[in-house]
Protein backbone atom coordinates (compact mmCIF):
# COMPACT_ATOMS: atom_id res chain seq x y z
CA MET A 1 -9.34 5.13 -15.92
CA ALA A 2 -10.76 7.30 -13.51
CA ILE A 3 -7.88 9.43 -12.75
CA PHE A 4 -7.10 9.68 -16.40
CA LEU A 5 -10.57 10.90 -17.03
CA ALA A 6 -10.69 13.07 -14.22
CA LEU A 7 -7.52 14.80 -15.35
CA TYR A 8 -8.38 14.64 -18.75
CA PHE A 9 -11.94 15.92 -19.08
CA LYS A 10 -12.00 17.42 -15.33
CA ASN A 11 -15.45 15.83 -14.56
CA VAL A 12 -14.82 14.13 -11.42
CA LEU A 13 -18.04 12.69 -10.80
CA LEU A 14 -18.38 11.17 -14.39
CA SER A 15 -14.79 9.66 -13.89
CA LEU A 16 -15.32 8.13 -10.67
CA LEU A 17 -18.71 6.57 -11.89
CA SER A 18 -16.89 5.25 -15.14
CA GLY A 19 -14.09 3.68 -13.02
CA ILE A 20 -16.78 1.91 -10.83
CA ILE A 21 -18.65 0.64 -13.71
CA LEU A 22 -15.43 -0.68 -15.38
CA GLY A 23 -14.33 -2.47 -12.11
CA ILE A 24 -17.99 -3.79 -11.53
CA LEU A 25 -17.60 -5.12 -15.17
CA LEU A 26 -14.07 -7.01 -14.67
CA LEU A 27 -15.35 -8.39 -11.51
CA HIS A 28 -18.36 -10.13 -13.07
CA ASP A 29 -17.08 -10.94 -16.55
CA PHE A 30 -19.04 -8.36 -18.23
CA SER A 31 -22.45 -9.61 -17.54
CA PRO A 32 -24.48 -6.76 -17.75
CA PHE A 33 -27.45 -8.16 -15.58
CA GLY A 34 -24.88 -9.18 -12.82
CA SER A 35 -22.77 -5.90 -12.83
CA LEU A 36 -26.14 -3.97 -12.72
CA GLU A 37 -27.02 -6.18 -9.52
CA ALA A 38 -23.69 -5.71 -8.08
CA PHE A 39 -23.97 -1.87 -8.80
CA ILE A 40 -26.96 -1.56 -6.90
CA THR A 41 -25.75 -3.80 -4.09
CA LEU A 42 -22.32 -1.89 -3.68
CA PHE A 43 -24.16 1.35 -3.17
CA ALA A 44 -26.75 -0.02 -0.91
CA SER A 45 -23.70 -1.76 1.08
CA LEU A 46 -22.04 1.59 1.34
CA LEU A 47 -24.77 3.58 2.67
CA SER A 48 -25.81 1.04 5.34
CA GLN A 49 -22.35 1.58 6.74
CA GLY A 50 -22.44 4.01 9.83
CA TRP A 51 -18.90 5.58 8.96
CA ILE A 52 -19.84 6.52 5.76
CA LEU A 53 -23.16 8.01 6.50
CA PHE A 54 -21.22 9.95 9.28
CA THR A 55 -18.75 11.36 6.78
CA LEU A 56 -21.27 12.29 3.83
CA GLY A 57 -23.22 14.00 6.96
CA PHE A 58 -20.02 15.72 8.08
CA ALA A 59 -19.51 17.09 4.31
CA ILE A 60 -22.97 18.49 4.51
CA LEU A 61 -22.82 19.93 7.85
CA VAL A 62 -19.41 21.89 6.88
CA GLY A 63 -21.15 23.67 4.20
CA SER A 64 -23.52 24.98 6.64
CA ILE A 65 -20.93 26.05 9.09
CA MET A 66 -18.59 27.53 6.70
CA ALA A 67 -21.38 29.65 4.98
CA LEU A 68 -22.65 30.56 8.55
CA ILE A 69 -19.07 31.81 9.52
CA GLU A 70 -18.82 33.90 6.35
CA LYS A 71 -22.27 35.16 6.96
CA SER A 72 -21.62 36.10 10.29
CA GLY A 73 -18.72 38.58 9.50
CA GLY A 74 -16.43 36.82 11.63
CA ILE A 75 -14.07 35.94 9.04
CA GLU A 76 -13.90 39.74 8.15
CA GLY A 77 -13.41 40.80 11.61
CA PHE A 78 -10.38 38.37 11.96
CA VAL A 79 -8.97 39.79 8.80
CA THR A 80 -9.24 43.21 10.14
CA ILE A 81 -7.57 42.34 13.46
CA VAL A 82 -4.79 40.69 11.83
CA GLN A 83 -4.16 43.04 8.95
CA HIS A 84 -4.85 46.56 10.30
CA GLU A 85 -4.71 46.33 14.24
CA LYS A 86 -2.15 43.95 14.93
CA SER A 87 -0.10 44.25 11.07
CA PHE A 88 1.38 41.03 11.28
CA ILE A 89 -0.45 39.55 8.16
CA ASN A 90 0.72 42.12 5.64
CA SER A 91 1.86 40.19 2.60
CA PRO A 92 1.19 37.17 0.41
CA ARG A 93 3.90 35.09 2.58
CA SER A 94 2.38 35.77 5.97
CA SER A 95 -1.11 34.98 4.64
CA LEU A 96 -0.02 31.62 3.56
CA MET A 97 2.12 31.15 6.44
CA LEU A 98 -0.89 31.68 8.59
CA SER A 99 -2.41 28.87 7.00
CA TYR A 100 0.54 26.63 6.97
CA VAL A 101 1.18 27.18 10.78
CA VAL A 102 -2.71 26.28 11.63
CA GLY A 103 -2.52 23.17 9.73
CA ILE A 104 0.59 22.06 11.72
CA VAL A 105 -1.21 23.40 15.28
CA ILE A 106 -4.33 21.48 14.68
CA PHE A 107 -3.07 17.86 13.95
CA VAL A 108 -6.02 16.08 15.48
CA GLU A 109 -7.92 15.08 12.10
CA SER A 110 -6.73 15.94 8.47
CA THR A 111 -10.22 16.88 7.33
CA ILE A 112 -10.36 19.58 10.07
CA THR A 113 -6.94 20.83 9.30
CA SER A 114 -7.67 21.74 5.74
CA LEU A 115 -11.13 23.10 6.67
CA VAL A 116 -9.55 25.62 9.65
CA ALA A 117 -6.68 26.49 7.48
CA GLY A 118 -8.85 27.16 4.26
CA ALA A 119 -11.65 29.25 6.10
CA ILE A 120 -8.72 31.29 7.86
CA GLY A 121 -6.64 31.84 4.65
CA LYS A 122 -9.51 32.63 1.99
CA PRO A 123 -10.27 35.93 2.80
CA LEU A 124 -6.25 36.72 3.04
CA CYS A 125 -5.25 35.13 0.08
CA ASP A 126 -7.91 37.04 -1.73
CA LYS A 127 -6.77 40.33 -0.42
CA HIS A 128 -3.28 39.55 -1.09
CA GLY A 129 -3.91 38.36 -4.91
CA ILE A 130 -2.84 34.51 -3.85
CA SER A 131 -4.67 31.86 -6.09
CA ARG A 132 -7.08 29.40 -4.25
CA GLU A 133 -4.94 26.68 -5.99
CA LYS A 134 -1.94 27.77 -3.65
CA LEU A 135 -3.92 27.88 -0.77
CA ALA A 136 -5.33 24.43 -1.42
CA PHE A 137 -1.80 23.07 -1.85
CA VAL A 138 -1.09 24.52 1.64
CA CYS A 139 -4.05 23.09 3.34
CA ASP A 140 -3.42 19.60 1.55
CA SER A 141 0.28 19.59 2.45
CA THR A 142 -0.24 20.44 6.11
CA ALA A 143 -3.32 17.65 6.65
CA ALA A 144 -2.07 14.10 6.07
CA PRO A 145 1.40 14.84 6.36
CA VAL A 146 0.89 16.35 9.96
CA SER A 147 -1.75 13.63 10.94
CA ALA A 148 0.76 11.03 10.07
CA LEU A 149 3.74 12.67 12.10
CA ILE A 150 1.71 13.65 15.08
CA ILE A 151 -0.16 10.50 16.07
CA LEU A 152 -2.41 11.33 18.58
CA ASN A 153 -5.33 10.78 16.55
CA GLY A 154 -6.91 8.00 14.56
CA TRP A 155 -4.01 7.72 12.07
CA GLY A 156 -1.99 6.68 15.46
CA ALA A 157 -4.56 4.25 16.20
CA LEU A 158 -4.71 2.35 13.04
CA LEU A 159 -0.97 2.25 12.85
CA LEU A 160 -0.60 1.02 16.41
CA GLY A 161 -3.08 -1.84 15.44
CA LEU A 162 -1.60 -2.97 12.39
CA ILE A 163 1.96 -3.06 14.04
CA ALA A 164 0.55 -4.85 17.11
CA THR A 165 -1.17 -7.35 14.61
CA GLN A 166 2.30 -8.23 13.56
CA ILE A 167 3.57 -8.85 16.89
CA SER A 168 1.01 -10.94 17.81
CA LEU A 169 1.40 -13.18 14.62
CA GLY A 170 5.01 -13.68 15.72
CA GLN A 171 6.20 -11.66 12.73
CA ILE A 172 8.13 -9.50 15.16
CA SER A 173 8.86 -8.73 18.73
CA GLY A 174 8.97 -5.56 21.07
CA ASN A 175 6.64 -2.94 22.12
CA SER A 176 4.07 -1.69 19.42
CA MET A 177 4.15 1.67 20.74
CA ASP A 178 8.00 1.92 20.58
CA ILE A 179 8.05 0.47 16.88
CA LEU A 180 5.66 2.66 15.65
CA ILE A 181 7.44 6.02 17.26
CA ASP A 182 10.73 4.56 15.44
CA SER A 183 8.84 4.06 12.21
CA ILE A 184 7.57 7.79 12.53
CA LEU A 185 11.17 9.23 12.59
CA TYR A 186 11.47 7.39 9.02
CA ASN A 187 8.23 9.16 7.70
CA PHE A 188 10.48 10.95 5.18
CA TYR A 189 7.49 12.16 2.90
CA ALA A 190 5.66 13.76 5.52
CA MET A 191 8.89 15.68 6.64
CA SER A 192 9.76 16.55 3.02
CA ALA A 193 6.35 17.68 2.18
CA LEU A 194 5.94 19.93 4.79
CA LEU A 195 9.60 21.36 4.41
CA VAL A 196 9.11 21.74 0.66
CA THR A 197 5.51 23.60 1.32
CA PHE A 198 7.48 26.01 3.87
CA LEU A 199 9.97 26.96 1.22
CA ALA A 200 7.00 27.42 -1.35
CA ILE A 201 5.56 29.83 0.65
CA TRP A 202 8.69 31.58 2.27
CA PHE A 203 10.36 32.16 -1.21
CA ASN A 204 6.98 32.38 -3.37
CA ILE A 205 8.11 29.37 -5.73
CA ASP A 206 5.55 28.49 -8.47
CA LEU A 207 6.13 25.56 -10.50
CA GLY A 208 4.22 24.32 -13.30
CA GLU A 209 0.59 24.71 -13.55
CA MET A 210 1.03 26.73 -10.24
CA LYS A 211 2.35 29.87 -12.41
CA ARG A 212 -0.77 30.05 -14.45
CA ALA A 213 -2.93 29.66 -11.50
CA LYS A 214 -5.00 32.97 -10.96
CA PRO A 215 -6.25 34.84 -7.72
CA ALA A 216 -9.93 34.70 -7.14
CA LEU A 217 -11.74 37.79 -7.70
CA ILE A 218 -13.17 39.34 -4.66
CA GLN A 219 -16.82 39.64 -4.19
CA SER A 220 -17.79 42.44 -2.34
CA HIS A 221 -21.26 40.75 -1.30
CA ARG A 222 -19.13 37.96 0.19
CA ILE A 223 -17.84 40.41 3.30
CA SER A 224 -20.48 41.42 5.79
CA VAL A 225 -20.79 45.09 5.97
CA LYS A 226 -21.94 44.99 9.58
CA GLN A 227 -19.49 45.35 12.55
CA ALA A 228 -18.57 41.85 13.46
CA SER A 229 -16.35 40.44 16.11
CA MET A 230 -13.68 37.83 14.92
CA PHE A 231 -14.88 35.78 17.88
CA LEU A 232 -17.78 34.87 15.68
CA MET A 233 -15.31 32.91 13.62
CA LEU A 234 -12.71 32.04 16.28
CA LEU A 235 -15.22 30.20 19.05
CA PRO A 236 -16.63 27.72 16.54
CA ILE A 237 -13.35 26.91 15.45
CA VAL A 238 -11.83 26.17 18.87
CA LEU A 239 -14.89 24.31 19.88
CA MET A 240 -14.59 22.42 16.66
CA VAL A 241 -11.00 21.40 17.78
CA VAL A 242 -12.08 20.66 21.43
CA LEU A 243 -14.79 18.48 20.58
CA VAL A 244 -12.90 16.14 18.44
CA PHE A 245 -10.69 15.38 21.28
CA VAL A 246 -13.98 14.86 23.32
CA PHE A 247 -15.80 12.82 20.99
CA LEU A 248 -12.37 10.63 20.23
CA TYR A 249 -12.29 10.00 24.01
CA ILE A 250 -16.01 9.19 24.59
CA THR A 251 -16.11 6.69 21.65
CA GLY A 252 -13.05 5.27 22.40
CA ASP A 253 -14.05 4.54 25.92
CA GLY A 254 -11.66 6.65 27.84
CA ASP A 255 -8.72 6.14 25.07
CA ILE A 256 -8.43 8.82 22.53
CA LEU A 257 -6.53 6.41 20.42
CA GLN A 258 -9.28 3.82 20.06
CA GLY A 259 -11.92 6.30 19.43
CA SER A 260 -13.96 6.63 15.86
CA GLY A 261 -12.81 9.30 13.73
CA SER A 262 -15.88 9.30 11.47
CA SER A 263 -18.47 9.35 14.06
CA SER A 264 -16.09 12.05 16.22
CA ILE A 265 -16.23 14.10 13.53
CA PHE A 266 -19.79 14.05 12.46
CA TYR A 267 -20.82 14.76 16.27
CA THR A 268 -18.11 17.60 16.15
CA MET A 269 -19.75 19.15 13.27
CA LEU A 270 -23.30 18.91 14.60
CA PHE A 271 -22.64 20.23 18.00
CA THR A 272 -20.86 23.18 16.38
CA TRP A 273 -23.69 23.78 14.07
CA LEU A 274 -26.01 23.84 16.97
CA PHE A 275 -23.76 26.00 19.09
CA MET A 276 -23.76 28.37 16.27
CA LEU A 277 -27.41 28.63 16.34
CA VAL A 278 -27.78 29.50 19.83
CA TYR A 279 -24.39 32.03 19.35
CA TYR A 280 -25.54 33.87 16.25
CA VAL A 281 -28.99 34.08 17.26
CA GLY A 282 -28.60 34.85 20.99
CA THR A 283 -26.28 37.71 20.05
CA LYS A 284 -28.61 39.00 17.30
CA ASN A 285 -25.65 38.47 14.73
CA MET A 286 -28.66 36.99 12.61
CA SER A 287 -32.16 35.97 12.83
CA PHE A 288 -33.18 32.25 13.01
CA LYS A 289 -34.36 32.62 9.60
CA GLU A 290 -31.09 33.95 8.41
CA TRP A 291 -29.27 31.20 10.36
CA SER A 292 -31.85 28.69 8.63
CA VAL A 293 -31.58 29.78 5.11
CA THR A 294 -27.60 30.24 5.24
CA SER A 295 -27.64 26.85 6.49
CA VAL A 296 -29.50 25.29 3.95
CA GLN A 297 -27.77 27.16 0.94
CA GLY A 298 -24.34 26.33 2.29
CA ALA A 299 -25.20 22.50 2.69
CA ILE A 300 -26.62 22.71 -1.09
CA LYS A 301 -23.42 24.20 -2.19
CA LEU A 302 -21.51 21.05 -0.66
CA ILE A 303 -23.87 18.19 -1.98
CA PRO A 304 -21.57 17.93 -5.21
CA ILE A 305 -18.81 17.00 -2.67
CA ALA A 306 -20.71 14.61 -0.65
CA ALA A 307 -21.41 13.07 -3.94
CA ILE A 308 -17.88 12.63 -4.97
CA LEU A 309 -16.85 11.39 -1.66
CA LEU A 310 -19.36 8.57 -1.90
CA PHE A 311 -18.03 7.67 -5.52
CA ALA A 312 -14.71 7.53 -4.10
CA PHE A 313 -15.38 5.28 -1.34
CA ALA A 314 -17.34 3.10 -3.77
CA LEU A 315 -14.39 3.10 -6.09
CA ALA A 316 -12.00 2.17 -3.23
CA GLN A 317 -14.36 -0.63 -2.41
CA ILE A 318 -14.06 -1.79 -6.01
CA THR A 319 -9.94 -2.23 -5.99
CA VAL A 320 -10.23 -4.17 -2.73
CA GLU A 321 -12.50 -6.66 -4.35
CA LEU A 322 -10.11 -6.94 -7.52
CA LYS A 323 -7.10 -6.99 -4.93
CA THR A 324 -5.22 -4.18 -6.85
CA GLY A 325 -2.94 -3.68 -3.90
CA LEU A 326 -2.22 -7.07 -3.03
CA TYR A 327 -1.29 -7.90 -6.60
CA LEU A 328 1.02 -4.67 -6.90
CA ALA A 329 2.67 -5.97 -3.63
CA SER A 330 3.18 -9.36 -4.73
CA LEU A 331 5.19 -8.17 -7.87
CA ALA A 332 8.02 -6.77 -5.51
CA GLN A 333 8.55 -9.50 -3.29
CA GLY A 334 11.58 -11.93 -4.21
CA VAL A 335 12.94 -9.88 -6.71
CA ILE A 336 14.72 -6.67 -4.97
CA ARG A 337 17.95 -6.08 -3.27
CA ILE A 338 18.15 -5.22 0.55
CA GLU A 339 19.33 -1.65 -0.19
CA PHE A 340 16.41 -1.32 -2.65
CA LEU A 341 13.76 -2.62 -0.20
CA ALA A 342 12.41 0.55 1.32
CA VAL A 343 12.57 2.21 -1.73
CA VAL A 344 10.51 -0.20 -3.57
CA ILE A 345 8.04 -0.53 -0.43
CA PHE A 346 7.82 3.58 -0.63
CA LEU A 347 6.95 3.56 -4.26
CA LEU A 348 4.27 0.42 -4.19
CA SER A 349 2.62 2.00 -1.26
CA SER A 350 2.53 5.28 -3.25
CA LEU A 351 0.81 3.61 -6.32
CA ILE A 352 -1.64 1.89 -4.17
CA ALA A 353 -2.81 4.88 -2.29
CA PHE A 354 -2.81 6.89 -5.57
CA SER A 355 -5.10 4.24 -7.57
CA THR A 356 -7.36 3.67 -4.46
CA GLY A 357 -7.41 7.17 -2.89
CA THR A 358 -6.84 5.82 0.58
CA SER A 359 -3.86 5.87 2.91
CA TRP A 360 -5.60 4.00 5.63
CA GLY A 361 -6.36 1.22 3.32
CA THR A 362 -2.95 1.27 1.88
CA PHE A 363 -1.25 1.00 5.55
CA SER A 364 -3.61 -2.12 5.98
CA ILE A 365 -2.25 -3.47 2.70
CA MET A 366 1.36 -2.83 3.00
CA ILE A 367 2.64 -2.78 6.56
CA PRO A 368 1.60 -6.67 6.76
CA VAL A 369 3.49 -7.29 3.42
CA ALA A 370 6.56 -4.77 4.52
CA VAL A 371 7.18 -6.58 7.82
CA PRO A 372 7.43 -9.67 6.80
CA MET A 373 9.85 -8.75 3.79
CA ALA A 374 11.94 -6.77 5.96
CA VAL A 375 12.58 -9.79 8.35
CA GLY A 376 12.98 -12.27 5.71
CA MET A 377 15.74 -10.02 4.20
CA ASP A 378 17.05 -8.80 7.68
CA ALA A 379 16.48 -5.46 7.02
CA ASN A 380 15.63 -2.26 9.16
CA ILE A 381 11.92 -3.21 10.22
CA ALA A 382 11.15 0.26 11.62
CA LEU A 383 12.55 1.97 7.97
CA CYS A 384 10.45 -0.33 5.91
CA ILE A 385 7.45 0.41 8.00
CA GLY A 386 8.19 4.30 7.86
CA ALA A 387 8.38 3.58 3.83
CA ALA A 388 4.90 2.10 3.98
CA ILE A 389 3.48 4.97 5.91
CA SER A 390 5.22 7.56 3.61
CA GLY A 391 4.09 5.81 0.22
CA GLY A 392 0.63 5.94 1.75
CA VAL A 393 0.70 9.68 2.70
CA LEU A 394 2.20 10.54 -0.67
CA GLY A 395 -0.41 8.48 -2.60
CA ASP A 396 -3.26 10.07 -0.51
CA HIS A 397 -1.97 13.82 -0.76
CA CYS A 398 -1.95 13.79 -4.42
CA SER A 399 -4.63 11.42 -5.64
CA PRO A 400 -7.89 13.32 -7.29
CA ILE A 401 -10.28 10.14 -5.62
CA SER A 402 -8.47 10.84 -1.84
CA ASP A 403 -11.00 12.30 0.48
CA THR A 404 -7.96 14.66 1.77
CA THR A 405 -7.49 15.98 -1.46
CA ILE A 406 -11.23 16.62 -2.19
CA VAL A 407 -11.54 18.22 1.13
CA ALA A 408 -8.65 20.62 0.59
CA ALA A 409 -9.93 21.77 -2.45
CA MET A 410 -13.53 22.23 -1.14
CA ALA A 411 -12.12 24.21 2.13
CA SER A 412 -10.07 26.53 -0.59
CA GLU A 413 -13.03 26.65 -2.88
CA CYS A 414 -10.64 25.79 -5.87
CA GLY A 415 -11.46 23.08 -8.54
CA LEU A 416 -10.41 19.59 -7.47
CA VAL A 417 -8.84 18.67 -10.90
CA GLU A 418 -6.91 22.41 -10.70
CA HIS A 419 -5.65 21.50 -7.47
CA VAL A 420 -4.21 18.07 -8.20
CA ARG A 421 -2.66 19.39 -11.18
CA THR A 422 -1.11 22.72 -9.53
CA GLN A 423 0.21 20.90 -6.42
CA LEU A 424 1.76 17.97 -8.50
CA PRO A 425 5.25 19.43 -8.86
CA TYR A 426 5.57 19.92 -5.39
CA VAL A 427 4.63 16.29 -4.63
CA LEU A 428 7.09 14.95 -7.04
CA ILE A 429 10.02 17.10 -5.35
CA SER A 430 9.21 15.72 -1.86
CA ALA A 431 8.80 12.09 -3.58
CA PHE A 432 12.33 12.41 -4.97
CA ILE A 433 13.55 13.62 -1.61
CA SER A 434 12.10 10.66 0.12
CA MET A 435 13.61 8.02 -2.33
CA ILE A 436 17.13 9.55 -1.70
CA LEU A 437 16.68 9.11 2.04
CA PHE A 438 15.18 5.92 2.04
CA PHE A 439 17.95 4.67 -0.25
CA VAL A 440 20.65 6.21 1.94
CA PHE A 441 19.41 5.04 5.13
CA SER A 442 18.95 1.59 3.94
CA ILE A 443 22.86 1.31 3.08
CA PHE A 444 23.80 2.93 6.43
């Protein structure tokens, strides 16, 4: 219901709220008083969880940081360097390709990937007549897919833990890291998505709704008229990337793979924001009053995004209580042939991730389901785990209630529903390629 209403009416908050209310009514036999109490309890519970508060705080701080970078003139300084003095960003293709490369290089966390790629890509895409929807597609397609392929991050920690659990339960034997690495080699959707995105950029392929997406109007007031150094943009971004690793190391007690992603990102944004106070005011780029006013204006701009994230978390919690994922997974057991096992696991994971908006939740549901199924049918275990990971990335990539989808639209400053609709054809092509590969590798 939430997804249908979001795509049809283009009002994401109202759509999510409708889905939450319907889910609570189903859980409480449509009792009005019981449902109202459950509704209040749900949001009280969510707002008492540290990781959710960190994520909401991160969303607000992102607004401040992006507004400050824009106000400083650092983006315009960067654009001037790469377009005129260096002259290697001089076409629509090279503008999008820069965001694509940035998205691959910054693999530490999917939201950071989208934010940096979006910040760098927006002015270049505006100057070369590229729609914000296409930029959002590039940002989104190099966020979750890259994070799920280069596993030196929270994604790797979660997957490693899920596989280690299956080993401890005696379902499989071996080294969890070796099994994870083998499984990543079968993450066909992440690979296909990156390939399809590259081809769409290189050959300027616009499919479906993307053909009708229009470039953003360049607003003269957006660009600072003062002479600004590109380091006003680059230093905060570099600090952002470095600090994520630092805080993952700190929160993981010396082990980056055990660090807390949500708290690490929040502290990264907080320290970057404070660094910008010292840097911008100290270099007289702006006064303390300008810094304060710009920070508040940027934060206010992103309050609706924080609300969407909170509602998306609430809907995900409802789907867990309804046991949506477990029900869908149970439908496949015992009724499929071995050559279709990986394909079915991939499709089920995709459906669960799309319906719940969470790839991590999908991994947690499907890997414990996929491993026993693979063992029982004497199938390739790494291939089936790879199918569960691929499906989780696919559903997360295109779901309108996924945090990575929301952040990609936010980073590119385009509408969430428009972003989902315009990138869907590319997602479906990548999904079809993945299905063929899973079927082929299941046979051979």
